[in-house]
């Protein structure tokens, strides 16, 4: 089985403006609750579906947070062939 390689996922990553993206998110923001809940989930079955090899992937935990947050905010991505 090939080794699973994910793109680096550092939630506290610093940048130029602001020094930490988390500084722009209020402490009581709902997105922080979603992040905390998903951080506690066992996603080993999701990770096991990755075959590995090839280029690195975005971490499944990060992608799950994006999908859940989108659904909670009624944001859905349609494929190119579908119309709203």
C-alpha atoms as a PDB file:
ATOM      1  CA  UNK A   1       0.000   0.000   0.000  1.00  0.00           C
ATOM      2  CA  UNK A   2       1.324   3.465  -0.874  1.00  0.00           C
ATOM      3  CA  UNK A   3       2.029   5.990   1.841  1.00  0.00           C
ATOM      4  CA  UNK A   4      -0.682   8.631   2.356  1.00  0.00           C
ATOM      5  CA  UNK A   5       0.692  12.156   1.894  1.00  0.00           C
ATOM      6  CA  UNK A   6      -1.360  15.209   2.815  1.00  0.00           C
ATOM      7  CA  UNK A   7      -0.600  18.866   2.196  1.00  0.00           C
ATOM      8  CA  UNK A   8       0.640  20.569   5.347  1.00  0.00           C
ATOM      9  CA  UNK A   9      -2.288  21.571   7.588  1.00  0.00           C
ATOM     10  CA  UNK A  10      -1.344  24.029  10.319  1.00  0.00           C
ATOM     11  CA  UNK A  11      -4.389  25.739  11.743  1.00  0.00           C
ATOM     12  CA  UNK A  12      -2.345  28.317  13.669  1.00  0.00           C
ATOM     13  CA  UNK A  13      -0.320  29.194  10.578  1.00  0.00           C
ATOM     14  CA  UNK A  14       1.084  32.717  10.587  1.00  0.00           C
ATOM     15  CA  UNK A  15       0.967  35.132   7.691  1.00  0.00           C
ATOM     16  CA  UNK A  16       1.763  38.771   7.063  1.00  0.00           C
ATOM     17  CA  UNK A  17      -1.710  40.278   7.666  1.00  0.00           C
ATOM     18  CA  UNK A  18      -2.840  39.281  10.281  1.00  0.00           C
ATOM     19  CA  UNK A  19      -0.021  37.389  11.947  1.00  0.00           C
ATOM     20  CA  UNK A  20      -2.486  34.580  12.719  1.00  0.00           C
ATOM     21  CA  UNK A  21      -5.720  34.137  10.753  1.00  0.00           C
ATOM     22  CA  UNK A  22      -7.410  32.997  13.957  1.00  0.00           C
ATOM     23  CA  UNK A  23      -6.970  36.538  15.302  1.00  0.00           C
ATOM     24  CA  UNK A  24      -9.608  37.705  12.803  1.00  0.00           C
ATOM     25  CA  UNK A  25     -12.206  35.224  14.108  1.00  0.00           C
ATOM     26  CA  UNK A  26     -14.024  36.186  17.319  1.00  0.00           C
ATOM     27  CA  UNK A  27     -13.641  33.708  20.186  1.00  0.00           C
ATOM     28  CA  UNK A  28     -17.408  33.058  20.279  1.00  0.00           C
ATOM     29  CA  UNK A  29     -17.822  32.635  16.490  1.00  0.00           C
ATOM     30  CA  UNK A  30     -19.828  29.541  15.451  1.00  0.00           C
ATOM     31  CA  UNK A  31     -17.039  28.458  13.104  1.00  0.00           C
ATOM     32  CA  UNK A  32     -14.826  27.828  16.135  1.00  0.00           C
ATOM     33  CA  UNK A  33     -17.410  25.421  17.563  1.00  0.00           C
ATOM     34  CA  UNK A  34     -17.609  23.540  14.257  1.00  0.00           C
ATOM     35  CA  UNK A  35     -13.811  23.308  14.194  1.00  0.00           C
ATOM     36  CA  UNK A  36     -13.629  22.021  17.783  1.00  0.00           C
ATOM     37  CA  UNK A  37     -16.298  19.374  17.170  1.00  0.00           C
ATOM     38  CA  UNK A  38     -14.694  18.098  13.972  1.00  0.00           C
ATOM     39  CA  UNK A  39     -11.258  18.066  15.641  1.00  0.00           C
ATOM     40  CA  UNK A  40     -12.683  15.531  18.136  1.00  0.00           C
ATOM     41  CA  UNK A  41     -14.216  13.220  15.495  1.00  0.00           C
ATOM     42  CA  UNK A  42     -12.568   9.925  14.625  1.00  0.00           C
ATOM     43  CA  UNK A  43     -12.102  10.229  10.856  1.00  0.00           C
ATOM     44  CA  UNK A  44      -9.817   7.205  10.514  1.00  0.00           C
ATOM     45  CA  UNK A  45     -12.316   5.491   8.199  1.00  0.00           C
ATOM     46  CA  UNK A  46     -12.215   8.510   5.888  1.00  0.00           C
ATOM     47  CA  UNK A  47      -8.412   8.570   5.933  1.00  0.00           C
ATOM     48  CA  UNK A  48      -8.334   4.834   5.210  1.00  0.00           C
ATOM     49  CA  UNK A  49     -10.119   5.457   1.886  1.00  0.00           C
ATOM     50  CA  UNK A  50      -7.102   7.422   0.582  1.00  0.00           C
ATOM     51  CA  UNK A  51      -4.871   5.221  -1.540  1.00  0.00           C
ATOM     52  CA  UNK A  52      -1.737   7.335  -1.245  1.00  0.00           C
ATOM     53  CA  UNK A  53       0.844   7.987  -3.912  1.00  0.00           C
ATOM     54  CA  UNK A  54       0.776  10.851  -6.365  1.00  0.00           C
ATOM     55  CA  UNK A  55       0.748  14.431  -5.204  1.00  0.00           C
ATOM     56  CA  UNK A  56      -0.232  15.444  -1.683  1.00  0.00           C
ATOM     57  CA  UNK A  57      -3.880  15.951  -0.798  1.00  0.00           C
ATOM     58  CA  UNK A  58      -5.564  18.477   1.445  1.00  0.00           C
ATOM     59  CA  UNK A  59      -6.125  16.958   4.867  1.00  0.00           C
ATOM     60  CA  UNK A  60      -9.550  15.287   5.099  1.00  0.00           C
ATOM     61  CA  UNK A  61     -10.242  16.972   8.453  1.00  0.00           C
ATOM     62  CA  UNK A  62      -9.793  20.414   6.903  1.00  0.00           C
ATOM     63  CA  UNK A  63     -11.997  19.481   3.939  1.00  0.00           C
ATOM     64  CA  UNK A  64     -14.689  18.118   6.278  1.00  0.00           C
ATOM     65  CA  UNK A  65     -14.709  21.415   8.169  1.00  0.00           C
ATOM     66  CA  UNK A  66     -15.216  23.317   4.917  1.00  0.00           C
ATOM     67  CA  UNK A  67     -18.063  21.055   3.774  1.00  0.00           C
ATOM     68  CA  UNK A  68     -19.862  21.155   7.148  1.00  0.00           C
ATOM     69  CA  UNK A  69     -19.471  24.931   7.459  1.00  0.00           C
ATOM     70  CA  UNK A  70     -20.771  25.385   3.917  1.00  0.00           C
ATOM     71  CA  UNK A  71     -23.846  23.253   4.555  1.00  0.00           C
ATOM     72  CA  UNK A  72     -24.564  25.061   7.827  1.00  0.00           C
ATOM     73  CA  UNK A  73     -24.519  28.329   5.882  1.00  0.00           C
ATOM     74  CA  UNK A  74     -26.535  27.039   2.900  1.00  0.00           C
ATOM     75  CA  UNK A  75     -23.516  27.236   0.602  1.00  0.00           C
ATOM     76  CA  UNK A  76     -23.493  24.462  -1.965  1.00  0.00           C
ATOM     77  CA  UNK A  77     -21.214  23.935  -4.928  1.00  0.00           C
ATOM     78  CA  UNK A  78     -22.878  22.741  -8.088  1.00  0.00           C
ATOM     79  CA  UNK A  79     -21.002  20.955 -10.831  1.00  0.00           C
ATOM     80  CA  UNK A  80     -20.388  22.837 -14.074  1.00  0.00           C
ATOM     81  CA  UNK A  81     -23.168  20.940 -15.846  1.00  0.00           C
ATOM     82  CA  UNK A  82     -25.888  21.805 -13.336  1.00  0.00           C
ATOM     83  CA  UNK A  83     -27.784  25.070 -13.220  1.00  0.00           C
ATOM     84  CA  UNK A  84     -29.284  26.734 -10.153  1.00  0.00           C
END
